[in-house]
Amino acid sequence: MSERPDAIHLIAFACSPRAGGNTDTLLDAALDGAAEAGARVERFDLREMTIAPCRHCGGCASGSGRCVIDDDMQRLYEPLCAADRIIVASPVFFMSLTAQAKTMIDRCQPMWVRRHRGDIVSEARHPRAALYLGVGGGDLPLLFDASRIVLASWYWTLQVFERRELTFECIDAKDAIRERPTALDRARQAGRELASWAGD
């Protein structure tokens, strides 16, 4: 089947350092749902990429406005600007996103610079929306709050204003998410609804 020219472009970030872990399993289900809804899916496994921390060097604030570090992050800037939908799948490490996720987000400083200059960051063809898939090993009341705050700042930078999440507490051991009877169905539905959202 040929891809529709107006298909929703969805990018997804697998942020766990553990391949095949609980957030990977949730992400697989969500991407299946998004594909069923007709989205064009592009997945990035951050653990397989070389992305250095932001140097806070100011290079992106002058000249071309591009990051001066030449690594795999350069592959992400264009999709981050162009995508209609974004999924971040990350477990909670020390009450926030993983280092893989946070490093990628910190390297979006060039986009933050553009946003604060009043430039357009989003080049998406459809209204933008994002979904956070999260798991945490504990059951603390504030378990996902720090992740939400980081993501809210990042979403603002990317001009993403429709923000959704699906989180599960007390998930730690590998494959524990499969013991939750409805978890994968909910993730699949979340992916489908994200891809189908019309922006109203």
C-alpha atoms as a PDB file:
ATOM      1  CA  MET A   1       0.000   0.000   0.000  1.00  0.00           C
ATOM      2  CA  SER A   2       1.422   3.400  -0.940  1.00  0.00           C
ATOM      3  CA  GLU A   3       1.730   6.066   1.710  1.00  0.00           C
ATOM      4  CA  ARG A   4      -0.745   8.931   1.588  1.00  0.00           C
ATOM      5  CA  PRO A   5       0.974  12.247   0.819  1.00  0.00           C
ATOM      6  CA  ASP A   6      -0.915  13.884   3.690  1.00  0.00           C
ATOM      7  CA  ALA A   7      -0.151  11.119   6.206  1.00  0.00           C
ATOM      8  CA  ILE A   8       0.599  12.179   9.765  1.00  0.00           C
ATOM      9  CA  HIS A   9       4.355  12.110  10.391  1.00  0.00           C
ATOM     10  CA  LEU A  10       5.028  10.643  13.825  1.00  0.00           C
ATOM     11  CA  ILE A  11       8.447  10.406  15.432  1.00  0.00           C
ATOM     12  CA  ALA A  12       9.117   8.342  18.542  1.00  0.00           C
ATOM     13  CA  PHE A  13      11.978   8.264  20.995  1.00  0.00           C
ATOM     14  CA  ALA A  14      12.812   5.078  22.889  1.00  0.00           C
ATOM     15  CA  CYS A  15      14.686   6.523  25.854  1.00  0.00           C
ATOM     16  CA  SER A  16      15.431   3.514  28.044  1.00  0.00           C
ATOM     17  CA  PRO A  17      19.004   2.221  28.193  1.00  0.00           C
ATOM     18  CA  ARG A  18      17.525  -1.292  28.339  1.00  0.00           C
ATOM     19  CA  ALA A  19      16.492  -2.748  24.985  1.00  0.00           C
ATOM     20  CA  GLY A  20      13.200  -4.590  25.067  1.00  0.00           C
ATOM     21  CA  GLY A  21      12.213  -3.153  28.438  1.00  0.00           C
ATOM     22  CA  ASN A  22       8.837  -1.975  29.638  1.00  0.00           C
ATOM     23  CA  THR A  23       8.788   1.383  27.878  1.00  0.00           C
ATOM     24  CA  ASP A  24       9.987  -0.261  24.661  1.00  0.00           C
ATOM     25  CA  THR A  25       7.058  -2.669  24.951  1.00  0.00           C
ATOM     26  CA  LEU A  26       4.610   0.186  25.479  1.00  0.00           C
ATOM     27  CA  LEU A  27       6.151   2.094  22.583  1.00  0.00           C
ATOM     28  CA  ASP A  28       5.847  -0.889  20.252  1.00  0.00           C
ATOM     29  CA  ALA A  29       2.145  -1.086  21.044  1.00  0.00           C
ATOM     30  CA  ALA A  30       1.607   2.656  20.618  1.00  0.00           C
ATOM     31  CA  LEU A  31       3.403   2.672  17.271  1.00  0.00           C
ATOM     32  CA  ASP A  32       1.291  -0.251  16.090  1.00  0.00           C
ATOM     33  CA  GLY A  33      -1.793   1.790  16.911  1.00  0.00           C
ATOM     34  CA  ALA A  34      -0.434   4.875  15.163  1.00  0.00           C
ATOM     35  CA  ALA A  35       0.409   2.862  12.048  1.00  0.00           C
ATOM     36  CA  GLU A  36      -3.089   1.370  12.065  1.00  0.00           C
ATOM     37  CA  ALA A  37      -4.415   4.940  12.016  1.00  0.00           C
ATOM     38  CA  GLY A  38      -2.341   5.679   8.919  1.00  0.00           C
ATOM     39  CA  ALA A  39       0.609   7.533  10.443  1.00  0.00           C
ATOM     40  CA  ARG A  40       4.078   7.448   8.916  1.00  0.00           C
ATOM     41  CA  VAL A  41       6.189   6.283  11.842  1.00  0.00           C
ATOM     42  CA  GLU A  42       9.863   7.051  12.442  1.00  0.00           C
ATOM     43  CA  ARG A  43      11.511   5.604  15.560  1.00  0.00           C
ATOM     44  CA  PHE A  44      14.770   6.600  17.218  1.00  0.00           C
ATOM     45  CA  ASP A  45      16.386   4.362  19.854  1.00  0.00           C
ATOM     46  CA  LEU A  46      18.502   6.839  21.785  1.00  0.00           C
ATOM     47  CA  ARG A  47      20.603   4.121  23.441  1.00  0.00           C
ATOM     48  CA  GLU A  48      21.957   3.286  19.987  1.00  0.00           C
ATOM     49  CA  MET A  49      22.873   6.887  19.171  1.00  0.00           C
ATOM     50  CA  THR A  50      25.882   8.965  20.132  1.00  0.00           C
ATOM     51  CA  ILE A  51      24.572  12.222  21.574  1.00  0.00           C
ATOM     52  CA  ALA A  52      26.926  14.324  23.674  1.00  0.00           C
ATOM     53  CA  PRO A  53      25.677  16.630  26.439  1.00  0.00           C
ATOM     54  CA  CYS A  54      25.077  20.282  25.668  1.00  0.00           C
ATOM     55  CA  ARG A  55      28.274  22.267  26.241  1.00  0.00           C
ATOM     56  CA  HIS A  56      26.467  25.535  26.972  1.00  0.00           C
ATOM     57  CA  CYS A  57      28.988  27.110  24.614  1.00  0.00           C
ATOM     58  CA  GLY A  58      26.589  29.601  23.036  1.00  0.00           C
ATOM     59  CA  GLY A  59      27.408  28.449  19.527  1.00  0.00           C
ATOM     60  CA  CYS A  60      23.748  28.025  18.625  1.00  0.00           C
ATOM     61  CA  ALA A  61      22.951  31.567  19.733  1.00  0.00           C
ATOM     62  CA  SER A  62      25.123  33.122  17.026  1.00  0.00           C
ATOM     63  CA  GLY A  63      25.764  32.643  13.353  1.00  0.00           C
ATOM     64  CA  SER A  64      23.687  29.899  11.775  1.00  0.00           C
ATOM     65  CA  GLY A  65      21.816  29.061  14.951  1.00  0.00           C
ATOM     66  CA  ARG A  66      22.852  25.418  14.644  1.00  0.00           C
ATOM     67  CA  CYS A  67      24.459  23.223  17.260  1.00  0.00           C
ATOM     68  CA  VAL A  68      28.225  23.058  16.772  1.00  0.00           C
ATOM     69  CA  ILE A  69      28.549  19.460  18.033  1.00  0.00           C
ATOM     70  CA  ASP A  70      28.759  17.014  15.131  1.00  0.00           C
ATOM     71  CA  ASP A  71      27.159  13.816  16.379  1.00  0.00           C
ATOM     72  CA  ASP A  72      23.936  11.833  15.969  1.00  0.00           C
ATOM     73  CA  MET A  73      21.820  14.666  17.351  1.00  0.00           C
ATOM     74  CA  GLN A  74      22.204  16.339  13.977  1.00  0.00           C
ATOM     75  CA  ARG A  75      19.947  13.597  12.562  1.00  0.00           C
ATOM     76  CA  LEU A  76      17.137  14.641  14.906  1.00  0.00           C
ATOM     77  CA  TYR A  77      16.762  18.374  14.331  1.00  0.00           C
ATOM     78  CA  GLU A  78      14.898  18.103  11.049  1.00  0.00           C
ATOM     79  CA  PRO A  79      12.413  15.460  12.269  1.00  0.00           C
ATOM     80  CA  LEU A  80      11.875  17.432  15.476  1.00  0.00           C
ATOM     81  CA  CYS A  81      10.880  20.457  13.420  1.00  0.00           C
ATOM     82  CA  ALA A  82       8.832  18.597  10.820  1.00  0.00           C
ATOM     83  CA  ALA A  83       6.950  15.922  12.756  1.00  0.00           C
ATOM     84  CA  ASP A  84       3.240  16.269  13.409  1.00  0.00           C
ATOM     85  CA  ARG A  85       3.267  13.920  16.395  1.00  0.00           C
ATOM     86  CA  ILE A  86       5.940  13.013  18.947  1.00  0.00           C
ATOM     87  CA  ILE A  87       6.107  10.102  21.388  1.00  0.00           C
ATOM     88  CA  VAL A  88       8.604   9.933  24.230  1.00  0.00           C
ATOM     89  CA  ALA A  89       8.901   6.582  26.007  1.00  0.00           C
ATOM     90  CA  SER A  90      11.025   6.774  29.143  1.00  0.00           C
ATOM     91  CA  PRO A  91      11.168   5.089  32.524  1.00  0.00           C
ATOM     92  CA  VAL A  92      11.709   7.182  35.628  1.00  0.00           C
ATOM     93  CA  PHE A  93      15.307   7.294  36.878  1.00  0.00           C
ATOM     94  CA  PHE A  94      15.815   9.205  40.143  1.00  0.00           C
ATOM     95  CA  MET A  95      12.399  10.848  39.737  1.00  0.00           C
ATOM     96  CA  SER A  96      12.904  12.140  36.184  1.00  0.00           C
ATOM     97  CA  LEU A  97      13.574  11.099  32.605  1.00  0.00           C
ATOM     98  CA  THR A  98      16.550   8.937  31.711  1.00  0.00           C
ATOM     99  CA  ALA A  99      19.917  10.467  30.855  1.00  0.00           C
ATOM    100  CA  GLN A 100      19.356   9.463  27.234  1.00  0.00           C
ATOM    101  CA  ALA A 101      16.118  11.448  27.096  1.00  0.00           C
ATOM    102  CA  LYS A 102      17.414  14.461  29.005  1.00  0.00           C
ATOM    103  CA  THR A 103      20.588  14.700  26.942  1.00  0.00           C
ATOM    104  CA  MET A 104      18.569  14.739  23.721  1.00  0.00           C
ATOM    105  CA  ILE A 105      16.234  17.382  25.168  1.00  0.00           C
ATOM    106  CA  ASP A 106      19.138  19.548  26.361  1.00  0.00           C
ATOM    107  CA  ARG A 107      20.593  19.450  22.855  1.00  0.00           C
ATOM    108  CA  CYS A 108      17.405  21.124  21.620  1.00  0.00           C
ATOM    109  CA  GLN A 109      18.894  24.402  22.844  1.00  0.00           C
ATOM    110  CA  PRO A 110      19.173  25.696  19.234  1.00  0.00           C
ATOM    111  CA  MET A 111      15.402  25.329  18.958  1.00  0.00           C
ATOM    112  CA  TRP A 112      14.950  27.110  22.283  1.00  0.00           C
ATOM    113  CA  VAL A 113      17.071  29.970  20.907  1.00  0.00           C
ATOM    114  CA  ARG A 114      14.880  30.184  17.813  1.00  0.00           C
ATOM    115  CA  ARG A 115      11.714  30.120  19.906  1.00  0.00           C
ATOM    116  CA  HIS A 116      12.931  32.973  22.114  1.00  0.00           C
ATOM    117  CA  ARG A 117      13.893  35.001  19.076  1.00  0.00           C
ATOM    118  CA  GLY A 118      10.308  34.714  17.933  1.00  0.00           C
ATOM    119  CA  ASP A 119      11.161  32.433  15.026  1.00  0.00           C
ATOM    120  CA  ILE A 120       8.943  29.568  13.939  1.00  0.00           C
ATOM    121  CA  VAL A 121      10.234  26.235  15.195  1.00  0.00           C
ATOM    122  CA  SER A 122       7.496  23.926  13.952  1.00  0.00           C
ATOM    123  CA  GLU A 123       7.436  23.093  10.261  1.00  0.00           C
ATOM    124  CA  ALA A 124       4.728  20.463  10.748  1.00  0.00           C
ATOM    125  CA  ARG A 125       1.934  20.226   8.169  1.00  0.00           C
ATOM    126  CA  HIS A 126      -0.653  19.248  10.787  1.00  0.00           C
ATOM    127  CA  PRO A 127      -1.367  20.457  14.341  1.00  0.00           C
ATOM    128  CA  ARG A 128       1.295  19.096  16.660  1.00  0.00           C
ATOM    129  CA  ALA A 129       0.645  16.709  19.545  1.00  0.00           C
ATOM    130  CA  ALA A 130       2.810  14.636  21.864  1.00  0.00           C
ATOM    131  CA  LEU A 131       2.448  11.551  24.029  1.00  0.00           C
ATOM    132  CA  TYR A 132       4.592  10.559  27.006  1.00  0.00           C
ATOM    133  CA  LEU A 133       4.764   6.865  27.856  1.00  0.00           C
ATOM    134  CA  GLY A 134       6.257   6.420  31.307  1.00  0.00           C
ATOM    135  CA  VAL A 135       6.838   3.728  33.892  1.00  0.00           C
ATOM    136  CA  GLY A 136       8.274   3.950  37.391  1.00  0.00           C
ATOM    137  CA  GLY A 137       9.334   1.349  39.903  1.00  0.00           C
ATOM    138  CA  GLY A 138       7.754   3.043  42.899  1.00  0.00           C
ATOM    139  CA  ASP A 139       4.373   4.426  43.823  1.00  0.00           C
ATOM    140  CA  LEU A 140       5.288   7.858  45.185  1.00  0.00           C
ATOM    141  CA  PRO A 141       2.615  10.535  44.638  1.00  0.00           C
ATOM    142  CA  LEU A 142       5.060  12.737  42.673  1.00  0.00           C
ATOM    143  CA  LEU A 143       6.630   9.897  40.692  1.00  0.00           C
ATOM    144  CA  PHE A 144       6.114  11.446  37.245  1.00  0.00           C
ATOM    145  CA  ASP A 145       6.033  15.141  38.153  1.00  0.00           C
ATOM    146  CA  ALA A 146       9.663  15.966  37.316  1.00  0.00           C
ATOM    147  CA  SER A 147       9.360  14.233  33.943  1.00  0.00           C
ATOM    148  CA  ARG A 148       6.210  16.238  33.231  1.00  0.00           C
ATOM    149  CA  ILE A 149       7.959  19.518  34.022  1.00  0.00           C
ATOM    150  CA  VAL A 150      10.925  18.744  31.750  1.00  0.00           C
ATOM    151  CA  LEU A 151       8.627  17.645  28.940  1.00  0.00           C
ATOM    152  CA  ALA A 152       6.398  20.711  29.328  1.00  0.00           C
ATOM    153  CA  SER A 153       9.391  23.000  28.770  1.00  0.00           C
ATOM    154  CA  TRP A 154      10.508  20.940  25.794  1.00  0.00           C
ATOM    155  CA  TYR A 155       7.013  20.860  24.285  1.00  0.00           C
ATOM    156  CA  TRP A 156       6.775  24.640  24.592  1.00  0.00           C
ATOM    157  CA  THR A 157      10.093  24.982  22.769  1.00  0.00           C
ATOM    158  CA  LEU A 158       8.856  22.696  19.978  1.00  0.00           C
ATOM    159  CA  GLN A 159       5.477  24.471  19.788  1.00  0.00           C
ATOM    160  CA  VAL A 160       3.570  21.355  20.814  1.00  0.00           C
ATOM    161  CA  PHE A 161       0.431  22.316  22.713  1.00  0.00           C
ATOM    162  CA  GLU A 162      -1.621  19.103  22.694  1.00  0.00           C
ATOM    163  CA  ARG A 163       0.071  17.009  25.382  1.00  0.00           C
ATOM    164  CA  ARG A 164      -0.933  13.528  26.495  1.00  0.00           C
ATOM    165  CA  GLU A 165       0.490  10.844  28.731  1.00  0.00           C
ATOM    166  CA  LEU A 166       0.078   7.237  29.738  1.00  0.00           C
ATOM    167  CA  THR A 167       1.988   6.275  32.868  1.00  0.00           C
ATOM    168  CA  PHE A 168       2.245   3.207  35.064  1.00  0.00           C
ATOM    169  CA  GLU A 169       3.643   2.999  38.580  1.00  0.00           C
ATOM    170  CA  CYS A 170       5.145  -0.038  40.332  1.00  0.00           C
ATOM    171  CA  ILE A 171       6.709  -1.291  37.094  1.00  0.00           C
ATOM    172  CA  ASP A 172      10.354  -2.226  37.468  1.00  0.00           C
ATOM    173  CA  ALA A 173      11.345  -5.773  36.491  1.00  0.00           C
ATOM    174  CA  LYS A 174      11.726  -6.491  32.806  1.00  0.00           C
ATOM    175  CA  ASP A 175       8.402  -7.458  31.191  1.00  0.00           C
ATOM    176  CA  ALA A 176       6.442  -6.385  34.282  1.00  0.00           C
ATOM    177  CA  ILE A 177       4.242  -4.247  32.040  1.00  0.00           C
ATOM    178  CA  ARG A 178       2.930  -7.416  30.401  1.00  0.00           C
ATOM    179  CA  GLU A 179       1.405  -8.407  33.734  1.00  0.00           C
ATOM    180  CA  ARG A 180      -0.931  -5.402  33.558  1.00  0.00           C
ATOM    181  CA  PRO A 181      -3.913  -6.805  31.642  1.00  0.00           C
ATOM    182  CA  THR A 182      -4.904  -3.616  29.804  1.00  0.00           C
ATOM    183  CA  ALA A 183      -1.559  -1.791  29.535  1.00  0.00           C
ATOM    184  CA  LEU A 184      -0.646  -2.713  25.975  1.00  0.00           C
ATOM    185  CA  ASP A 185      -4.191  -2.224  24.731  1.00  0.00           C
ATOM    186  CA  ARG A 186      -4.209   1.226  26.303  1.00  0.00           C
ATOM    187  CA  ALA A 187      -0.869   2.071  24.708  1.00  0.00           C
ATOM    188  CA  ARG A 188      -2.082   0.884  21.320  1.00  0.00           C
ATOM    189  CA  GLN A 189      -5.207   2.995  21.679  1.00  0.00           C
ATOM    190  CA  ALA A 190      -3.172   6.001  22.806  1.00  0.00           C
ATOM    191  CA  GLY A 191      -1.026   5.712  19.684  1.00  0.00           C
ATOM    192  CA  ARG A 192      -4.065   5.374  17.492  1.00  0.00           C
ATOM    193  CA  GLU A 193      -5.766   8.400  19.064  1.00  0.00           C
ATOM    194  CA  LEU A 194      -2.599  10.495  18.846  1.00  0.00           C
ATOM    195  CA  ALA A 195      -2.271   9.788  15.134  1.00  0.00           C
ATOM    196  CA  SER A 196      -5.988  10.380  14.542  1.00  0.00           C
ATOM    197  CA  TRP A 197      -6.268  13.653  16.477  1.00  0.00           C
ATOM    198  CA  ALA A 198      -7.574  16.364  14.159  1.00  0.00           C
ATOM    199  CA  GLY A 199      -6.453  19.374  16.149  1.00  0.00           C
ATOM    200  CA  ASP A 200      -9.833  20.523  17.408  1.00  0.00           C
END
